[in-house]
């Protein structure tokens, strides 16, 4: 493989305590957020400079399929500019706007599709940053360069149509830090396009009501933070017949690259290596009134400044621009939830520290998509719990194996997790039995060599979630998330060397969701994406750092309405050298 060398400007300042992607701060704190000290480098500038020539901004991209849209010759569409805002020093200062639904593309809430378009530009030196757009979208930024970056991403948010059907507030949170060293400002432009329903593209199926499980703040962050009181009190309508929870959870600071955290027993084994403890297993738990009703094993996102920034220019890491949601059917809890009284939904994250503790911190939001029984007057949903087989924690096996000379360490973590809940619901439409089942297998193996400067992570997460209502399979989520990542950092008085290798990184998911979440009963959409690449940065004192990077991705998608999309991309040294697309959505 032949790789060209690039000049990195400026020379890397190799401090390990730097601003983090996202971190909860006290309002009285004068401290800047701190970066993950293992898998994050100072922002590297990978651009060629020639006398009298300034390169155009680097166009970043994340491979994904275009949304399925109505025939433009048969359906009107209305595009609204929701927000245009520059995020400079923006901690505790989200952009908040009032949204009015369009009236020229059919009655509000009857649209066939809603698509958000986010375009961001930035130049300067800066870290990648986490961002949240109310309930509907968790994203992160590409890492800026001095010559600038730009990217655009489209996200189908049709399942949130009930939120867009009325006047409401929209919050865009992007916590950025500006100093004399970190100068990158993120200029964002967010628009929404609403597509009129037609006979060929009827109104989208959605829930009747969506309730937020957030801080519900209108001025500051809406994301719940754990560790911390990540709980919300809410009241469900008495005639709720189905309840589907949409959860997004992301780690930050010392939890940003949680899958590379070492078992607590070995955190001080290499004193100079700066290892982070509490282990690599993370389970996001959901409780209602203290009762565990579901859990999520998150996808291991590598943010675009992670491991080695040259891996992700211009091809972003998997799901970095669109953090995936997880779905949990909480309908078995409706016999006690539909009493018209407040109930507490709480989130926590289980780790491998003392008593299952984790580091700081995780950001979580939830959205309850509710289907209401149509009886008039409303009939309260009742019923009973038939069976509940959920242990408070997974079965975890872990061990560490140091070498005889003390220079190497291998750790292994393996976990199995199951859940099964059955309930009988009595609604205005009659009796039905709801059954929810979830199985997870998790494995993580890490190896540390050269006194901890070399680290390899090999992780796999496999999950099967099903929900049936009177024998009808409404939700089926089958996922596999493989990750193999190797990093090697050498820092000497006169030189430095950072290399990263990603031999395997995948997001494989076959997801069938109920009509309340916009799905087609009995059909699934299947996504398979895989990346592999490598990158290296080297430098000597008083000289420019040099480096190279390469990444390739294969992506396939089959939708629940038969639509298809395939894409293959290869990037070398901040340039797309190969890109092919085909399928009905291409």
Protein backbone atom coordinates (compact mmCIF):
# COMPACT_ATOMS: atom_id res chain seq x y z
CA UNK A 1 0.00 0.00 0.00
CA UNK A 2 1.53 3.30 -1.09
CA UNK A 3 0.69 6.29 1.08
CA UNK A 4 1.75 9.89 0.53
CA UNK A 5 3.09 11.97 3.38
CA UNK A 6 1.41 15.16 4.50
CA UNK A 7 2.72 18.10 6.46
CA UNK A 8 0.95 18.64 9.75
CA UNK A 9 0.72 22.28 10.80
CA UNK A 10 1.33 23.32 13.49
CA UNK A 11 3.65 20.93 15.29
CA UNK A 12 1.69 18.94 17.83
CA UNK A 13 1.64 20.24 21.36
CA UNK A 14 1.54 17.00 23.26
CA UNK A 15 -0.31 17.94 26.42
CA UNK A 16 -2.65 15.28 27.76
CA UNK A 17 -5.05 17.49 29.73
CA UNK A 18 -7.16 19.25 27.13
CA UNK A 19 -10.76 20.28 26.48
CA UNK A 20 -13.10 17.33 26.18
CA UNK A 21 -15.71 16.62 23.58
CA UNK A 22 -18.41 17.15 26.16
CA UNK A 23 -18.38 17.38 29.93
CA UNK A 24 -20.72 18.45 32.65
CA UNK A 25 -19.42 21.61 34.31
CA UNK A 26 -20.42 23.40 37.45
CA UNK A 27 -21.74 26.87 36.63
CA UNK A 28 -19.19 28.34 39.02
CA UNK A 29 -16.25 26.34 37.67
CA UNK A 30 -13.33 28.15 36.08
CA UNK A 31 -11.88 24.92 34.74
CA UNK A 32 -12.06 23.91 31.11
CA UNK A 33 -13.36 20.42 30.38
CA UNK A 34 -10.72 17.70 30.20
CA UNK A 35 -10.12 15.31 27.34
CA UNK A 36 -9.81 11.55 27.50
CA UNK A 37 -6.05 11.17 28.14
CA UNK A 38 -5.62 7.88 26.24
CA UNK A 39 -7.47 7.87 22.94
CA UNK A 40 -7.52 11.57 22.07
CA UNK A 41 -4.68 13.63 20.60
CA UNK A 42 -4.41 17.39 20.30
CA UNK A 43 -6.17 18.46 17.07
CA UNK A 44 -3.84 17.72 14.15
CA UNK A 45 -3.81 19.92 11.05
CA UNK A 46 -3.56 17.72 7.96
CA UNK A 47 -3.46 20.15 5.03
CA UNK A 48 -0.99 20.82 2.23
CA UNK A 49 0.18 24.42 1.99
CA UNK A 50 1.67 25.94 -1.15
CA UNK A 51 3.00 29.47 -1.65
CA UNK A 52 0.19 31.82 -2.65
CA UNK A 53 -2.44 29.11 -2.45
CA UNK A 54 -4.99 28.45 0.26
CA UNK A 55 -6.79 25.12 -0.07
CA UNK A 56 -10.57 24.99 -0.09
CA UNK A 57 -12.28 23.77 3.08
CA UNK A 58 -12.14 20.01 3.50
CA UNK A 59 -15.50 18.41 2.81
CA UNK A 60 -16.23 15.73 5.40
CA UNK A 61 -18.87 13.05 5.04
CA UNK A 62 -20.47 10.16 6.83
CA UNK A 63 -21.72 7.39 4.59
CA UNK A 64 -25.45 6.84 4.93
CA UNK A 65 -28.44 6.16 2.71
CA UNK A 66 -30.62 9.01 1.43
CA UNK A 67 -34.14 9.07 2.88
CA UNK A 68 -37.04 7.55 0.95
CA UNK A 69 -39.09 10.50 -0.30
CA UNK A 70 -42.31 11.03 -2.29
CA UNK A 71 -42.23 11.64 -6.03
CA UNK A 72 -41.30 15.35 -6.32
CA UNK A 73 -43.67 15.73 -9.28
CA UNK A 74 -46.65 14.65 -7.19
CA UNK A 75 -46.02 16.09 -3.74
CA UNK A 76 -45.40 19.60 -2.52
CA UNK A 77 -42.58 20.19 -0.11
CA UNK A 78 -41.97 23.00 2.34
CA UNK A 79 -38.45 23.81 3.50
CA UNK A 80 -38.01 25.95 6.61
CA UNK A 81 -34.79 27.40 7.95
CA UNK A 82 -34.99 26.43 11.61
CA UNK A 83 -31.74 27.85 12.87
CA UNK A 84 -28.55 29.56 11.78
CA UNK A 85 -26.06 29.96 14.61
CA UNK A 86 -22.33 30.09 15.32
CA UNK A 87 -21.18 28.17 18.40
CA UNK A 88 -18.10 29.82 19.91
CA UNK A 89 -17.72 29.64 23.71
CA UNK A 90 -21.10 28.01 24.06
CA UNK A 91 -21.14 26.00 27.29
CA UNK A 92 -24.55 26.49 28.92
CA UNK A 93 -25.62 28.56 25.92
CA UNK A 94 -27.63 26.41 23.52
CA UNK A 95 -29.41 28.02 20.60
CA UNK A 96 -33.17 28.06 21.19
CA UNK A 97 -35.73 28.94 18.53
CA UNK A 98 -39.50 28.81 18.25
CA UNK A 99 -40.81 26.50 15.57
CA UNK A 100 -44.07 27.03 13.69
CA UNK A 101 -45.32 24.12 11.53
CA UNK A 102 -45.73 24.90 7.82
CA UNK A 103 -49.28 25.17 6.48
CA UNK A 104 -48.60 24.91 2.73
CA UNK A 105 -47.87 21.18 2.56
CA UNK A 106 -51.03 19.77 4.06
CA UNK A 107 -52.47 19.96 7.57
CA UNK A 108 -49.76 19.81 10.27
CA UNK A 109 -49.00 16.25 11.26
CA UNK A 110 -50.22 14.68 8.01
CA UNK A 111 -46.88 14.82 6.19
CA UNK A 112 -45.44 11.74 4.54
CA UNK A 113 -41.86 12.59 5.52
CA UNK A 114 -39.81 15.10 7.50
CA UNK A 115 -36.10 15.45 6.82
CA UNK A 116 -33.64 17.63 8.72
CA UNK A 117 -30.61 19.03 6.90
CA UNK A 118 -27.62 20.11 8.98
CA UNK A 119 -24.68 21.93 7.40
CA UNK A 120 -21.70 22.92 9.53
CA UNK A 121 -18.54 24.83 8.68
CA UNK A 122 -15.54 25.58 10.86
CA UNK A 123 -11.92 26.59 10.59
CA UNK A 124 -9.19 26.83 13.17
CA UNK A 125 -7.87 24.47 15.79
CA UNK A 126 -10.56 22.67 17.73
CA UNK A 127 -11.70 19.34 19.10
CA UNK A 128 -14.71 17.48 17.82
CA UNK A 129 -17.77 18.28 19.91
CA UNK A 130 -20.95 16.49 20.92
CA UNK A 131 -24.25 18.11 19.92
CA UNK A 132 -27.93 17.50 20.60
CA UNK A 133 -31.00 18.74 18.76
CA UNK A 134 -33.86 18.44 21.26
CA UNK A 135 -35.23 14.88 21.33
CA UNK A 136 -34.69 14.10 17.71
CA UNK A 137 -30.96 13.97 16.98
CA UNK A 138 -27.68 13.35 18.81
CA UNK A 139 -24.68 14.15 16.65
CA UNK A 140 -21.03 15.20 16.86
CA UNK A 141 -18.80 17.40 14.78
CA UNK A 142 -15.90 16.67 12.52
CA UNK A 143 -12.58 17.92 13.87
CA UNK A 144 -11.74 21.29 12.24
CA UNK A 145 -8.61 22.23 10.30
CA UNK A 146 -6.93 25.62 9.80
CA UNK A 147 -8.12 25.70 6.19
CA UNK A 148 -11.66 24.84 7.24
CA UNK A 149 -14.06 21.94 7.07
CA UNK A 150 -17.64 21.61 5.94
CA UNK A 151 -20.13 18.78 6.11
CA UNK A 152 -23.80 18.20 5.49
CA UNK A 153 -25.96 15.42 6.88
CA UNK A 154 -29.64 14.63 6.31
CA UNK A 155 -31.68 12.80 8.92
CA UNK A 156 -35.18 11.40 8.57
CA UNK A 157 -37.15 12.45 11.65
CA UNK A 158 -40.62 11.49 10.41
CA UNK A 159 -41.38 9.44 13.52
CA UNK A 160 -41.27 12.71 15.51
CA UNK A 161 -44.05 14.23 13.40
CA UNK A 162 -46.32 14.81 16.45
CA UNK A 163 -43.67 17.17 17.86
CA UNK A 164 -43.41 19.16 14.62
CA UNK A 165 -47.20 19.39 14.23
CA UNK A 166 -47.51 22.15 16.81
CA UNK A 167 -45.75 25.33 17.82
CA UNK A 168 -42.82 24.39 20.00
CA UNK A 169 -39.28 25.27 20.99
CA UNK A 170 -36.29 23.68 19.32
CA UNK A 171 -32.98 23.54 21.19
CA UNK A 172 -29.62 22.99 19.52
CA UNK A 173 -26.88 22.34 22.08
CA UNK A 174 -23.24 22.31 20.97
CA UNK A 175 -20.90 22.94 23.90
CA UNK A 176 -17.75 24.44 22.42
CA UNK A 177 -14.73 26.10 24.06
CA UNK A 178 -12.73 28.98 22.56
CA UNK A 179 -9.27 29.93 23.85
CA UNK A 180 -6.20 31.55 22.34
CA UNK A 181 -5.18 28.03 21.28
CA UNK A 182 -8.50 26.42 20.36
CA UNK A 183 -10.08 28.83 17.91
CA UNK A 184 -12.53 26.79 15.85
CA UNK A 185 -16.09 28.16 15.82
CA UNK A 186 -18.86 25.91 14.47
CA UNK A 187 -21.19 27.79 12.10
CA UNK A 188 -24.37 25.74 11.79
CA UNK A 189 -27.38 25.88 9.54
CA UNK A 190 -30.35 23.63 10.27
CA UNK A 191 -33.37 23.33 8.00
CA UNK A 192 -36.38 21.02 7.81
CA UNK A 193 -38.25 19.84 4.73
CA UNK A 194 -41.84 18.65 5.07
CA UNK A 195 -43.30 16.48 2.30
CA UNK A 196 -47.00 16.56 1.54
CA UNK A 197 -48.86 13.27 1.68
CA UNK A 198 -50.15 11.84 -1.62
CA UNK A 199 -52.03 8.66 -2.59
CA UNK A 200 -48.65 7.07 -3.37
CA UNK A 201 -47.05 8.42 -0.18
CA UNK A 202 -49.74 8.58 2.51
CA UNK A 203 -49.34 10.28 5.88
CA UNK A 204 -46.65 8.59 7.92
CA UNK A 205 -47.69 6.31 10.72
CA UNK A 206 -46.57 7.68 14.07
CA UNK A 207 -47.47 7.68 17.73
CA UNK A 208 -50.41 9.74 18.96
CA UNK A 209 -48.31 11.50 21.58
CA UNK A 210 -44.60 11.89 22.37
CA UNK A 211 -43.46 12.71 25.90
CA UNK A 212 -39.90 13.93 26.56
CA UNK A 213 -37.70 12.23 29.13
CA UNK A 214 -35.20 15.06 29.45
CA UNK A 215 -34.39 17.90 31.83
CA UNK A 216 -37.21 19.80 30.04
CA UNK A 217 -35.18 22.97 30.31
CA UNK A 218 -35.98 25.78 27.88
CA UNK A 219 -32.68 27.58 28.40
CA UNK A 220 -29.91 25.06 29.19
CA UNK A 221 -29.09 21.45 28.41
CA UNK A 222 -31.97 19.03 27.94
CA UNK A 223 -29.69 16.01 28.28
CA UNK A 224 -29.80 14.05 31.52
CA UNK A 225 -26.37 13.46 33.05
CA UNK A 226 -25.22 10.28 34.78
CA UNK A 227 -23.68 9.99 37.36
CA UNK A 228 -26.30 12.34 38.67
CA UNK A 229 -30.08 12.41 39.15
CA UNK A 230 -30.96 11.18 35.65
CA UNK A 231 -34.67 10.77 36.31
CA UNK A 232 -37.88 12.35 35.07
CA UNK A 233 -41.38 12.35 36.53
CA UNK A 234 -44.18 12.15 33.99
CA UNK A 235 -47.88 11.31 33.68
CA UNK A 236 -49.23 9.06 30.94
CA UNK A 237 -52.78 9.31 29.57
CA UNK A 238 -55.06 6.74 31.19
CA UNK A 239 -55.92 5.22 27.80
CA UNK A 240 -52.35 4.51 26.69
CA UNK A 241 -52.38 1.23 24.76
CA UNK A 242 -48.72 1.08 23.64
CA UNK A 243 -45.60 2.78 25.01
CA UNK A 244 -42.30 2.73 23.12
CA UNK A 245 -39.15 4.28 24.57
CA UNK A 246 -36.57 5.83 22.23
CA UNK A 247 -33.21 6.16 24.07
CA UNK A 248 -29.97 7.91 23.07
CA UNK A 249 -26.92 7.61 25.35
CA UNK A 250 -23.35 8.82 24.81
CA UNK A 251 -20.27 8.78 27.01
CA UNK A 252 -17.96 11.78 27.44
CA UNK A 253 -14.70 12.80 29.15
CA UNK A 254 -13.30 9.66 30.85
CA UNK A 255 -16.30 7.75 29.44
CA UNK A 256 -15.84 9.00 25.87
CA UNK A 257 -13.91 5.87 24.83
CA UNK A 258 -15.39 3.59 27.48
CA UNK A 259 -14.60 0.46 25.47
CA UNK A 260 -10.87 1.10 26.04
CA UNK A 261 -11.12 1.56 29.81
CA UNK A 262 -9.19 -1.00 31.83
CA UNK A 263 -10.43 -3.19 34.66
CA UNK A 264 -10.19 -1.38 37.99
CA UNK A 265 -7.82 -4.02 39.38
CA UNK A 266 -5.20 -3.06 36.77
CA UNK A 267 -5.66 0.70 36.42
CA UNK A 268 -2.33 1.46 38.15
CA UNK A 269 -0.38 -1.39 36.59
CA UNK A 270 1.42 1.01 34.23
CA UNK A 271 1.74 4.18 36.36
CA UNK A 272 3.01 6.38 33.52
CA UNK A 273 0.46 5.25 30.92
CA UNK A 274 -2.55 7.19 32.21
CA UNK A 275 -4.95 4.26 32.04
CA UNK A 276 -8.60 4.93 32.87
CA UNK A 277 -10.43 2.42 35.02
CA UNK A 278 -13.86 1.01 35.78
CA UNK A 279 -13.63 -1.46 32.92
CA UNK A 280 -15.00 -1.55 29.35
CA UNK A 281 -18.52 -2.89 29.93
CA UNK A 282 -21.34 -0.34 29.91
CA UNK A 283 -25.03 -1.10 30.33
CA UNK A 284 -27.55 1.76 30.14
CA UNK A 285 -30.42 0.79 32.42
CA UNK A 286 -34.01 2.04 32.36
CA UNK A 287 -36.23 1.88 35.42
CA UNK A 288 -39.82 2.89 36.06
CA UNK A 289 -40.60 3.61 39.71
CA UNK A 290 -37.40 1.73 40.57
CA UNK A 291 -38.28 -1.38 38.54
CA UNK A 292 -35.80 -2.36 35.82
CA UNK A 293 -37.70 -2.56 32.52
CA UNK A 294 -34.92 -2.54 29.93
CA UNK A 295 -31.27 -1.99 29.14
CA UNK A 296 -29.11 -0.89 26.23
CA UNK A 297 -25.59 -1.97 25.25
CA UNK A 298 -24.41 1.10 23.34
CA UNK A 299 -22.68 1.23 19.98
CA UNK A 300 -18.96 2.09 20.42
CA UNK A 301 -18.69 5.39 18.58
CA UNK A 302 -15.15 6.57 17.79
CA UNK A 303 -15.45 10.33 17.49
CA UNK A 304 -13.56 12.05 14.68
CA UNK A 305 -10.71 13.17 16.91
CA UNK A 306 -10.38 9.72 18.46
CA UNK A 307 -7.43 7.30 18.20
CA UNK A 308 -5.78 9.33 15.42
CA UNK A 309 -7.55 12.25 13.68
CA UNK A 310 -6.03 11.32 10.31
CA UNK A 311 -8.18 8.18 10.28
CA UNK A 312 -11.35 10.24 9.95
CA UNK A 313 -10.47 12.87 7.32
CA UNK A 314 -12.58 13.24 5.32
CA UNK A 315 -14.50 10.01 6.02
CA UNK A 316 -16.13 10.22 9.45
CA UNK A 317 -16.25 7.25 11.79
CA UNK A 318 -19.35 5.08 11.91
CA UNK A 319 -22.43 6.90 13.25
CA UNK A 320 -20.38 9.88 14.49
CA UNK A 321 -22.84 12.28 12.81
CA UNK A 322 -25.92 10.28 13.81
CA UNK A 323 -25.67 8.50 17.17
CA UNK A 324 -28.08 5.54 16.98
CA UNK A 325 -31.20 5.24 19.10
CA UNK A 326 -32.24 2.12 20.98
CA UNK A 327 -35.88 1.12 21.36
CA UNK A 328 -37.53 -0.47 24.40
CA UNK A 329 -41.17 -1.55 24.70
CA UNK A 330 -42.42 -0.44 28.11
CA UNK A 331 -46.02 -1.47 27.37
CA UNK A 332 -45.88 -4.28 29.99
CA UNK A 333 -45.76 -1.51 32.62
CA UNK A 334 -48.99 0.13 31.42
CA UNK A 335 -51.29 -1.57 33.98
CA UNK A 336 -49.72 0.62 36.68
CA UNK A 337 -48.56 3.53 34.49
CA UNK A 338 -52.02 4.38 33.15
CA UNK A 339 -53.47 5.50 36.45
CA UNK A 340 -53.22 9.23 35.80
CA UNK A 341 -50.56 9.65 38.50
CA UNK A 342 -46.91 10.77 38.16
CA UNK A 343 -44.35 8.02 37.63
CA UNK A 344 -40.56 8.22 37.69
CA UNK A 345 -38.50 7.15 34.68
CA UNK A 346 -34.83 6.90 35.61
CA UNK A 347 -31.64 6.12 33.71
CA UNK A 348 -28.35 4.79 35.01
CA UNK A 349 -25.18 3.36 33.51
CA UNK A 350 -23.64 0.22 34.92
CA UNK A 351 -19.85 -0.06 34.76
CA UNK A 352 -17.18 -2.17 36.39
CA UNK A 353 -16.02 0.09 39.19
CA UNK A 354 -16.93 -0.40 42.84
CA UNK A 355 -20.61 -1.37 43.04
CA UNK A 356 -20.91 -1.01 39.26
CA UNK A 357 -19.76 2.61 39.19
CA UNK A 358 -18.49 4.50 36.14
CA UNK A 359 -16.40 7.62 35.54
CA UNK A 360 -17.85 11.00 34.57
CA UNK A 361 -20.07 11.01 32.53
CA UNK A 362 -22.94 9.90 30.24
CA UNK A 363 -25.57 12.06 28.49
CA UNK A 364 -28.99 10.47 28.05
CA UNK A 365 -32.31 11.50 26.55
CA UNK A 366 -35.50 9.54 26.07
CA UNK A 367 -38.72 9.99 24.13
CA UNK A 368 -41.89 8.08 24.97
CA UNK A 369 -43.92 7.34 21.83
CA UNK A 370 -47.47 6.58 22.98
CA UNK A 371 -50.39 4.99 21.14
CA UNK A 372 -53.76 5.85 22.67
CA UNK A 373 -56.86 3.69 22.67
CA UNK A 374 -59.47 5.45 20.49
CA UNK A 375 -62.49 4.73 22.72
CA UNK A 376 -64.62 7.78 23.49
CA UNK A 377 -64.88 8.53 26.35
CA UNK A 378 -61.37 7.27 27.20
CA UNK A 379 -61.18 3.88 28.89
CA UNK A 380 -58.36 3.36 31.35
CA UNK A 381 -55.84 0.65 30.49
CA UNK A 382 -55.54 -1.98 33.21
CA UNK A 383 -54.14 -5.50 33.42
CA UNK A 384 -51.56 -7.48 35.30
CA UNK A 385 -47.96 -8.61 35.16
CA UNK A 386 -47.77 -12.28 34.15
CA UNK A 387 -44.04 -12.87 34.53
CA UNK A 388 -40.91 -10.87 35.25
CA UNK A 389 -37.51 -12.49 34.72
CA UNK A 390 -34.90 -9.73 34.96
CA UNK A 391 -31.77 -9.90 37.10
CA UNK A 392 -30.47 -6.62 38.57
CA UNK A 393 -27.12 -6.98 36.77
CA UNK A 394 -25.56 -9.05 33.99
CA UNK A 395 -23.40 -12.10 34.58
CA UNK A 396 -19.84 -10.79 34.12
CA UNK A 397 -16.60 -12.75 33.98
CA UNK A 398 -13.36 -10.77 33.96
CA UNK A 399 -9.67 -11.46 34.42
CA UNK A 400 -6.22 -9.98 33.87
CA UNK A 401 -3.02 -11.71 32.83
CA UNK A 402 0.24 -9.76 33.34
CA UNK A 403 3.46 -10.89 31.69
CA UNK A 404 6.27 -12.28 33.79
CA UNK A 405 8.45 -9.22 33.13
CA UNK A 406 5.65 -6.77 33.95
CA UNK A 407 5.82 -5.02 30.56
CA UNK A 408 2.58 -6.46 29.14
CA UNK A 409 -0.97 -7.07 30.28
CA UNK A 410 -3.96 -8.86 28.78
CA UNK A 411 -7.48 -8.42 30.14
CA UNK A 412 -10.71 -10.16 29.19
CA UNK A 413 -14.32 -9.33 29.99
CA UNK A 414 -17.29 -11.47 29.01
CA UNK A 415 -20.93 -10.87 29.88
CA UNK A 416 -24.31 -12.46 29.23
CA UNK A 417 -27.60 -10.70 29.79
CA UNK A 418 -31.25 -11.73 29.43
CA UNK A 419 -34.64 -10.17 30.09
CA UNK A 420 -38.17 -11.50 29.69
CA UNK A 421 -41.35 -9.71 30.74
CA UNK A 422 -44.96 -10.74 30.04
CA UNK A 423 -48.06 -8.74 30.86
CA UNK A 424 -51.78 -8.83 30.18
CA UNK A 425 -53.28 -5.51 29.06
CA UNK A 426 -56.97 -4.65 29.13
CA UNK A 427 -57.73 -1.69 26.86
CA UNK A 428 -60.85 -0.29 25.25
CA UNK A 429 -60.21 -2.67 22.34
CA UNK A 430 -60.03 -5.74 24.58
CA UNK A 431 -57.44 -8.06 26.07
CA UNK A 432 -53.93 -8.63 24.74
CA UNK A 433 -50.73 -10.21 25.99
CA UNK A 434 -47.45 -8.34 25.54
CA UNK A 435 -44.17 -10.21 25.71
CA UNK A 436 -40.73 -8.59 25.66
CA UNK A 437 -37.44 -10.50 25.46
CA UNK A 438 -33.84 -9.34 25.24
CA UNK A 439 -30.56 -11.28 24.98
CA UNK A 440 -27.08 -9.75 24.89
CA UNK A 441 -23.59 -11.23 24.60
CA UNK A 442 -20.61 -8.94 25.23
CA UNK A 443 -16.89 -9.66 24.95
CA UNK A 444 -13.92 -7.33 25.33
CA UNK A 445 -10.25 -8.28 25.19
CA UNK A 446 -7.46 -5.74 25.64
CA UNK A 447 -3.71 -6.02 25.39
CA UNK A 448 -1.17 -3.54 26.69
CA UNK A 449 2.49 -3.71 25.71
CA UNK A 450 5.56 -1.50 26.07
CA UNK A 451 4.52 -0.46 29.58
CA UNK A 452 1.09 0.60 28.40
CA UNK A 453 1.95 2.81 25.41
CA UNK A 454 0.58 0.14 23.06
CA UNK A 455 -3.08 -0.84 23.46
CA UNK A 456 -5.31 -3.11 21.41
CA UNK A 457 -9.05 -3.49 21.92
CA UNK A 458 -11.09 -6.31 20.44
CA UNK A 459 -14.77 -6.08 21.32
CA UNK A 460 -18.02 -7.62 20.13
CA UNK A 461 -21.58 -6.85 21.19
CA UNK A 462 -24.47 -8.98 19.93
CA UNK A 463 -28.07 -8.22 20.85
CA UNK A 464 -31.52 -9.62 20.06
CA UNK A 465 -34.60 -7.70 21.23
CA UNK A 466 -38.17 -8.74 20.44
CA UNK A 467 -41.62 -7.52 21.42
CA UNK A 468 -44.89 -9.22 20.51
CA UNK A 469 -48.43 -7.97 21.08
CA UNK A 470 -50.92 -10.86 20.97
CA UNK A 471 -48.46 -12.82 18.86
CA UNK A 472 -47.79 -9.98 16.39
CA UNK A 473 -44.09 -9.19 16.21
CA UNK A 474 -44.00 -5.38 16.46
CA UNK A 475 -40.37 -4.76 17.40
CA UNK A 476 -37.35 -6.86 16.46
CA UNK A 477 -33.85 -5.45 16.81
CA UNK A 478 -30.92 -7.69 15.89
CA UNK A 479 -27.52 -6.03 16.10
CA UNK A 480 -23.83 -6.85 16.01
CA UNK A 481 -21.15 -4.25 16.78
CA UNK A 482 -17.59 -5.54 16.18
CA UNK A 483 -14.62 -3.32 17.03
CA UNK A 484 -10.89 -3.91 16.69
CA UNK A 485 -8.69 -0.92 17.47
CA UNK A 486 -4.96 -0.61 18.10
CA UNK A 487 -3.13 2.52 19.24
CA UNK A 488 0.58 3.05 19.84
CA UNK A 489 1.81 6.29 21.41
CA UNK A 490 5.49 7.08 21.89
CA UNK A 491 6.40 10.42 23.45
CA UNK A 492 10.08 11.26 23.93
CA UNK A 493 11.84 14.49 24.82
CA UNK A 494 12.83 15.12 21.20
CA UNK A 495 10.25 13.20 19.15
CA UNK A 496 6.80 11.66 19.13
CA UNK A 497 4.98 8.93 17.25
CA UNK A 498 1.26 8.14 17.22
CA UNK A 499 -0.18 5.31 15.18
CA UNK A 500 -3.62 3.75 15.05
CA UNK A 501 -4.97 0.72 13.22
CA UNK A 502 -8.64 -0.17 12.78
CA UNK A 503 -8.68 -3.63 11.16
CA UNK A 504 -12.41 -4.11 11.83
CA UNK A 505 -15.20 -1.76 12.88
CA UNK A 506 -18.82 -2.54 12.12
CA UNK A 507 -22.44 -1.55 12.61
CA UNK A 508 -24.77 -4.39 11.57
CA UNK A 509 -28.42 -4.00 12.46
CA UNK A 510 -31.71 -5.48 11.28
CA UNK A 511 -34.48 -3.37 12.79
CA UNK A 512 -38.22 -3.85 12.52
CA UNK A 513 -40.18 -1.17 14.38
CA UNK A 514 -43.93 -0.80 14.99
CA UNK A 515 -46.15 1.62 13.07
CA UNK A 516 -45.98 3.93 16.10
CA UNK A 517 -42.29 4.44 15.25
CA UNK A 518 -42.92 4.72 11.52
CA UNK A 519 -42.33 1.08 10.66
CA UNK A 520 -44.12 -1.44 8.48
CA UNK A 521 -45.36 -4.42 10.49
CA UNK A 522 -43.53 -7.58 9.45
CA UNK A 523 -40.79 -5.74 7.54
CA UNK A 524 -37.32 -4.65 8.59
CA UNK A 525 -34.65 -2.28 7.41
CA UNK A 526 -31.17 -3.77 7.41
CA UNK A 527 -27.98 -1.72 7.69
CA UNK A 528 -24.49 -3.14 7.32
CA UNK A 529 -21.51 -0.81 7.49
CA UNK A 530 -17.87 -1.70 8.00
CA UNK A 531 -14.71 0.40 8.16
CA UNK A 532 -11.02 -0.39 8.23
CA UNK A 533 -8.05 1.93 8.13
CA UNK A 534 -4.77 3.05 9.62
CA UNK A 535 -2.96 6.30 10.34
CA UNK A 536 0.32 7.57 11.70
CA UNK A 537 1.77 10.86 12.95
CA UNK A 538 5.47 11.40 13.66
CA UNK A 539 7.55 14.44 14.48
CA UNK A 540 10.74 15.79 15.98
CA UNK A 541 11.34 18.77 18.20
CA UNK A 542 11.53 21.98 16.19
CA UNK A 543 10.21 20.33 13.01
CA UNK A 544 6.80 19.92 11.46
CA UNK A 545 5.00 16.73 12.26
CA UNK A 546 4.23 14.48 9.32
CA UNK A 547 1.61 11.83 8.89
CA UNK A 548 -0.65 9.79 6.68
CA UNK A 549 -4.02 8.15 6.97
CA UNK A 550 -6.25 5.83 5.00
CA UNK A 551 -9.80 4.59 5.56
CA UNK A 552 -12.30 2.58 3.56
CA UNK A 553 -15.95 1.79 4.19
CA UNK A 554 -18.53 -0.57 2.72
CA UNK A 555 -22.17 0.28 3.37
CA UNK A 556 -25.36 -1.55 2.39
CA UNK A 557 -28.97 -0.76 3.27
CA UNK A 558 -32.29 -2.46 2.52
CA UNK A 559 -35.36 -0.57 3.72
CA UNK A 560 -38.64 -1.90 5.07
CA UNK A 561 -40.36 -0.72 1.89
CA UNK A 562 -37.92 -2.48 -0.42
CA UNK A 563 -35.61 0.48 -1.11
CA UNK A 564 -31.90 -0.30 -1.50
CA UNK A 565 -28.59 1.52 -1.29
CA UNK A 566 -24.95 0.48 -1.52
CA UNK A 567 -21.84 2.60 -1.23
CA UNK A 568 -18.13 1.96 -1.16
CA UNK A 569 -15.69 4.74 -0.27
CA UNK A 570 -11.94 4.86 0.08
CA UNK A 571 -10.01 7.85 1.42
CA UNK A 572 -6.28 8.48 1.51
CA UNK A 573 -4.68 11.48 3.15
CA UNK A 574 -7.78 13.68 3.36
CA UNK A 575 -8.84 12.86 -0.21
CA UNK A 576 -11.61 10.61 -1.50
CA UNK A 577 -9.87 8.38 -4.05
CA UNK A 578 -12.74 5.97 -4.73
CA UNK A 579 -16.50 6.25 -4.32
CA UNK A 580 -19.25 4.14 -5.89
CA UNK A 581 -22.99 4.23 -5.20
CA UNK A 582 -25.87 2.12 -6.46
CA UNK A 583 -29.39 1.03 -5.56
CA UNK A 584 -32.87 2.53 -5.78
CA UNK A 585 -31.92 5.40 -3.43
CA UNK A 586 -28.64 6.25 -5.19
